[in-house]
Protein backbone atom coordinates (compact mmCIF):
# COMPACT_ATOMS: atom_id res chain seq x y z
CA MET A 1 128.40 78.91 114.04
CA PRO A 2 128.12 75.02 114.51
CA SER A 3 127.35 73.30 110.93
CA ASP A 4 124.81 71.08 112.69
CA SER A 5 122.76 73.95 114.19
CA ALA A 6 120.03 75.76 112.52
CA LEU A 7 121.13 79.95 111.91
CA ARG A 8 119.50 82.02 114.36
CA ILE A 9 117.72 84.97 113.60
CA VAL A 10 116.68 87.39 116.53
CA TRP A 11 114.06 89.73 116.01
CA ILE A 12 114.50 92.59 118.64
CA TYR A 13 111.44 94.46 120.35
CA PRO A 14 108.85 94.29 117.07
CA ASP A 15 106.17 95.68 119.26
CA LEU A 16 108.38 99.17 119.78
CA LEU A 17 110.68 99.33 116.52
CA SER A 18 109.16 98.23 113.26
CA THR A 19 108.15 100.97 111.01
CA TYR A 20 107.72 100.90 106.88
CA GLY A 21 108.16 97.08 106.73
CA ASP A 22 111.31 96.61 108.59
CA GLN A 23 110.39 93.18 109.48
CA GLY A 24 111.43 92.81 105.86
CA ASN A 25 114.83 92.34 106.80
CA VAL A 26 114.26 88.61 108.65
CA LEU A 27 112.49 87.27 105.59
CA VAL A 28 114.59 88.01 103.35
CA LEU A 29 117.30 86.40 105.66
CA GLU A 30 115.70 83.67 106.12
CA ALA A 31 114.64 83.97 102.61
CA ARG A 32 118.55 83.82 101.76
CA ALA A 33 119.58 81.51 103.78
CA ARG A 34 117.25 78.59 102.77
CA ARG A 35 118.16 79.12 99.63
CA ARG A 36 121.35 77.77 99.83
CA GLY A 37 120.30 75.45 102.06
CA ILE A 38 120.76 76.26 105.22
CA GLU A 39 118.57 76.02 108.29
CA THR A 40 117.11 79.14 109.75
CA GLU A 41 115.10 79.67 113.47
CA THR A 42 114.16 83.06 113.82
CA ILE A 43 113.11 84.43 117.38
CA HIS A 44 110.53 87.43 117.92
CA VAL A 45 111.84 89.13 120.76
CA ARG A 46 109.08 91.16 122.44
CA SER A 47 109.55 94.37 124.82
CA ALA A 48 108.78 92.44 127.89
CA ASP A 49 111.01 89.40 127.21
CA PRO A 50 114.63 89.23 127.98
CA VAL A 51 117.16 88.87 124.98
CA PRO A 52 118.55 85.72 124.08
CA GLU A 53 122.62 85.96 123.79
CA THR A 54 122.80 82.77 121.81
CA GLY A 55 121.70 84.32 118.32
CA ASP A 56 123.63 84.57 115.20
CA ILE A 57 122.07 87.64 113.65
CA TYR A 58 120.46 90.04 115.58
CA LEU A 59 118.02 92.88 113.53
CA ILE A 60 116.13 95.90 115.53
CA GLY A 61 114.01 98.24 113.43
CA GLY A 62 112.94 102.18 113.21
CA GLY A 63 110.60 103.54 115.09
CA GLU A 64 109.06 106.51 117.03
CA ASP A 65 110.76 108.40 119.67
CA ARG A 66 108.48 106.97 122.89
CA PRO A 67 108.92 103.35 121.66
CA GLN A 68 112.80 104.44 120.99
CA ILE A 69 113.12 105.42 124.30
CA LEU A 70 111.47 102.39 125.90
CA ALA A 71 113.73 100.28 123.91
CA ALA A 72 116.75 101.94 124.59
CA GLY A 73 116.37 101.62 128.31
CA ARG A 74 115.23 97.85 128.10
CA LEU A 75 118.58 96.99 126.38
CA ARG A 76 120.40 98.95 128.47
CA LYS A 77 118.59 96.79 131.68
CA ASP A 78 118.63 93.51 129.96
CA GLY A 79 122.65 93.81 128.67
CA GLY A 80 121.55 90.32 126.51
CA LEU A 81 122.61 91.73 123.00
CA HIS A 82 125.78 93.01 124.59
CA ARG A 83 126.37 89.81 125.43
CA ALA A 84 125.85 88.13 122.26
CA VAL A 85 127.92 90.72 120.25
CA ALA A 86 131.01 89.80 122.87
CA ARG A 87 130.26 86.26 121.56
CA GLY A 88 130.35 86.73 118.60
CA ALA A 89 127.08 88.08 116.70
CA SER A 90 126.21 90.35 113.80
CA VAL A 91 123.54 93.13 114.53
CA LEU A 92 121.95 95.16 111.55
CA ALA A 93 119.93 98.17 113.29
CA VAL A 94 117.66 100.39 111.45
CA CYS A 95 116.76 104.21 111.84
CA ALA A 96 115.55 104.70 115.62
CA GLY A 97 117.52 101.29 116.37
CA TYR A 98 120.95 102.47 114.60
CA GLN A 99 119.92 105.38 116.98
CA ILE A 100 119.86 103.73 120.32
CA MET A 101 123.16 101.80 119.78
CA GLY A 102 125.24 104.94 120.08
CA SER A 103 125.94 106.31 123.40
CA THR A 104 123.41 109.10 122.99
CA PHE A 105 120.46 110.29 121.11
CA GLY A 106 117.51 112.65 120.24
CA GLY A 107 114.49 112.67 122.52
CA GLU A 108 111.14 113.86 121.86
CA GLU A 109 111.99 117.07 122.85
CA GLY A 110 115.83 116.90 121.80
CA GLN A 111 116.52 116.01 125.12
CA PRO A 112 119.75 113.44 125.18
CA VAL A 113 118.93 109.97 125.84
CA GLU A 114 121.41 107.74 126.99
CA GLY A 115 121.70 104.59 124.01
CA ILE A 116 123.41 101.12 124.78
CA GLY A 117 127.09 102.01 123.39
CA LEU A 118 127.27 99.25 121.04
CA LEU A 119 128.34 101.92 118.68
CA ASP A 120 131.13 104.38 118.77
CA ILE A 121 128.00 107.41 117.73
CA THR A 122 126.65 110.22 118.90
CA SER A 123 123.13 111.32 117.50
CA SER A 124 120.93 114.64 118.06
CA ARG A 125 118.03 115.76 116.33
CA GLY A 126 118.73 117.75 112.91
CA PRO A 127 117.25 120.98 111.76
CA ALA A 128 114.74 119.25 109.00
CA ARG A 129 113.51 115.96 108.99
CA ALA A 130 115.40 113.68 106.14
CA VAL A 131 112.98 111.86 103.75
CA GLY A 132 113.31 110.36 100.46
CA GLU A 133 115.67 108.35 98.58
CA LEU A 134 118.63 107.32 99.41
CA VAL A 135 121.66 105.78 97.59
CA ALA A 136 125.26 105.45 99.03
CA GLU A 137 129.05 103.90 97.60
CA VAL A 138 129.86 101.23 100.25
CA ASP A 139 133.13 101.45 101.87
CA ALA A 140 135.47 99.47 99.84
CA ALA A 141 136.41 96.71 102.58
CA LEU A 142 133.01 95.49 102.60
CA ASN A 143 132.94 94.42 98.91
CA ILE A 144 129.17 94.98 98.44
CA PRO A 145 127.45 97.15 95.78
CA THR A 146 125.96 100.35 95.81
CA LEU A 147 123.55 100.77 98.58
CA THR A 148 119.85 102.01 98.00
CA GLY A 149 116.60 102.90 100.16
CA PHE A 150 114.66 105.34 101.24
CA GLU A 151 115.47 107.49 104.63
CA ASN A 152 112.57 109.18 106.80
CA HIS A 153 114.49 110.43 109.88
CA MET A 154 115.28 113.90 112.00
CA GLY A 155 118.96 112.49 113.16
CA VAL A 156 121.83 113.74 112.85
CA THR A 157 124.94 110.80 113.88
CA HIS A 158 127.66 111.51 114.60
CA LEU A 159 130.95 109.05 114.16
CA GLY A 160 133.66 108.75 116.43
CA PRO A 161 137.09 106.52 116.00
CA GLY A 162 135.47 103.54 117.20
CA VAL A 163 133.31 103.43 113.93
CA LYS A 164 133.58 102.64 110.31
CA PRO A 165 131.43 105.08 108.00
CA LEU A 166 129.05 102.13 106.33
CA SER A 167 128.72 104.30 102.95
CA LYS A 168 129.10 107.66 101.51
CA THR A 169 126.24 109.75 100.17
CA VAL A 170 125.30 109.94 96.82
CA VAL A 171 121.93 110.63 97.03
CA GLY A 172 120.24 112.27 99.90
CA VAL A 173 121.13 112.65 103.65
CA GLY A 174 122.29 110.15 105.39
CA ASN A 175 124.11 110.95 108.90
CA GLY A 176 124.16 114.62 107.61
CA ASP A 177 127.79 114.50 107.61
CA GLY A 178 128.29 112.73 103.98
CA PHE A 179 128.35 109.34 105.12
CA GLU A 180 125.84 106.98 105.37
CA GLY A 181 125.33 104.42 108.59
CA CYS A 182 128.39 102.99 109.93
CA TYR A 183 130.29 99.83 111.31
CA ALA A 184 132.47 98.30 113.60
CA GLY A 185 133.21 94.78 113.66
CA HIS A 186 130.39 92.65 113.24
CA VAL A 187 127.56 95.22 114.20
CA VAL A 188 126.23 97.79 110.91
CA GLY A 189 123.89 100.54 111.98
CA THR A 190 122.03 102.86 108.72
CA TYR A 191 118.99 104.47 108.00
CA LEU A 192 118.04 102.78 105.39
CA HIS A 193 114.30 101.49 105.30
CA GLY A 194 113.20 100.03 102.17
CA PRO A 195 113.56 97.51 103.87
CA ALA A 196 117.31 97.77 103.50
CA LEU A 197 117.37 93.64 102.90
CA ALA A 198 115.50 93.24 100.18
CA ARG A 199 116.76 96.50 98.47
CA ASN A 200 120.04 95.48 99.05
CA PRO A 201 120.78 91.78 99.35
CA ALA A 202 124.64 91.75 98.75
CA LEU A 203 124.22 93.32 102.58
CA ALA A 204 122.06 90.46 103.61
CA ASP A 205 124.84 87.92 102.33
CA LEU A 206 127.26 90.04 103.98
CA LEU A 207 125.23 89.49 107.49
CA LEU A 208 124.83 85.69 106.75
CA SER A 209 128.89 85.52 105.79
CA TRP A 210 129.52 86.45 108.99
CA ARG A 211 128.50 83.70 110.86
CA VAL A 212 128.74 80.65 108.19
CA GLY A 213 131.68 81.61 106.15
CA ASP A 214 131.95 82.14 102.66
CA LEU A 215 128.95 81.43 100.85
CA PRO A 216 127.60 79.80 97.28
CA PRO A 217 126.42 82.73 94.76
CA LEU A 218 122.94 83.04 94.49
CA ASP A 219 121.46 83.53 90.85
CA ASP A 220 120.02 86.82 90.89
CA SER A 221 120.10 88.21 87.69
CA ARG A 222 116.75 89.66 87.26
CA TYR A 223 116.97 91.14 90.64
CA GLU A 224 119.77 92.90 90.41
CA ALA A 225 118.36 93.74 86.47
CA LEU A 226 115.59 95.72 88.45
CA ARG A 227 117.38 96.87 90.88
CA GLN A 228 119.77 98.72 88.43
CA GLU A 229 117.03 100.71 86.66
CA ARG A 230 116.09 101.88 89.87
CA LEU A 231 119.11 103.42 90.28
CA THR A 232 119.44 104.70 86.97
CA THR A 233 116.27 106.46 87.51
CA VAL A 234 116.76 107.90 91.19
CA LEU A 235 120.25 109.18 89.90
CA GLU A 236 118.83 110.74 86.87
CA GLN A 237 116.24 112.26 89.22
CA GLN A 238 119.02 114.41 91.05
CA ARG A 239 120.09 115.90 87.92
């Protein structure tokens, strides 16, 4: 990203995919960039609009079955997100958005629906809905602390060789295979709501650093104490 330009944050299809406060991920990125003196420009792309390919960080949230299917079809036809990733953009895809990133996902009746193929994953409908707190230990290569959030989905996601697990599940279901989410390059998928970046600011900083380079630290001590308290409570409830 050129040093004299604003960081462009693109929020994809808020009219279709924005459940459980996922738009808060946009606000967290804006705030953490602003605290470091980084100018941002946020673009809300509705489902009737083309996806710009010149963004820096793209966010897509969760949603119900029909909006998910509609969003996948429009993203496939549009192609803007693929071109943006090819240019080096980062992506955070949550829940339904995560499933869309793969080759297929389960539709309203469990039928396979074509995804957009940005991640080497396939998803299908599981036997029961996964609802509740989710805690997961992150891949050490990413150098960020334990992830927390909540999940509400019926998906089972299978990872192919082209992706790495984002984290190992400690509490909750996640992908359904002992892992939660995945990543490849600068594309991250997760079932975490909360919103995910509000509950996990280090993940927000990772996305930012992929576009702007090393970041000066922020004083998150007060928030981190609250985060650790919540994490301890969730883990104790599982004993």
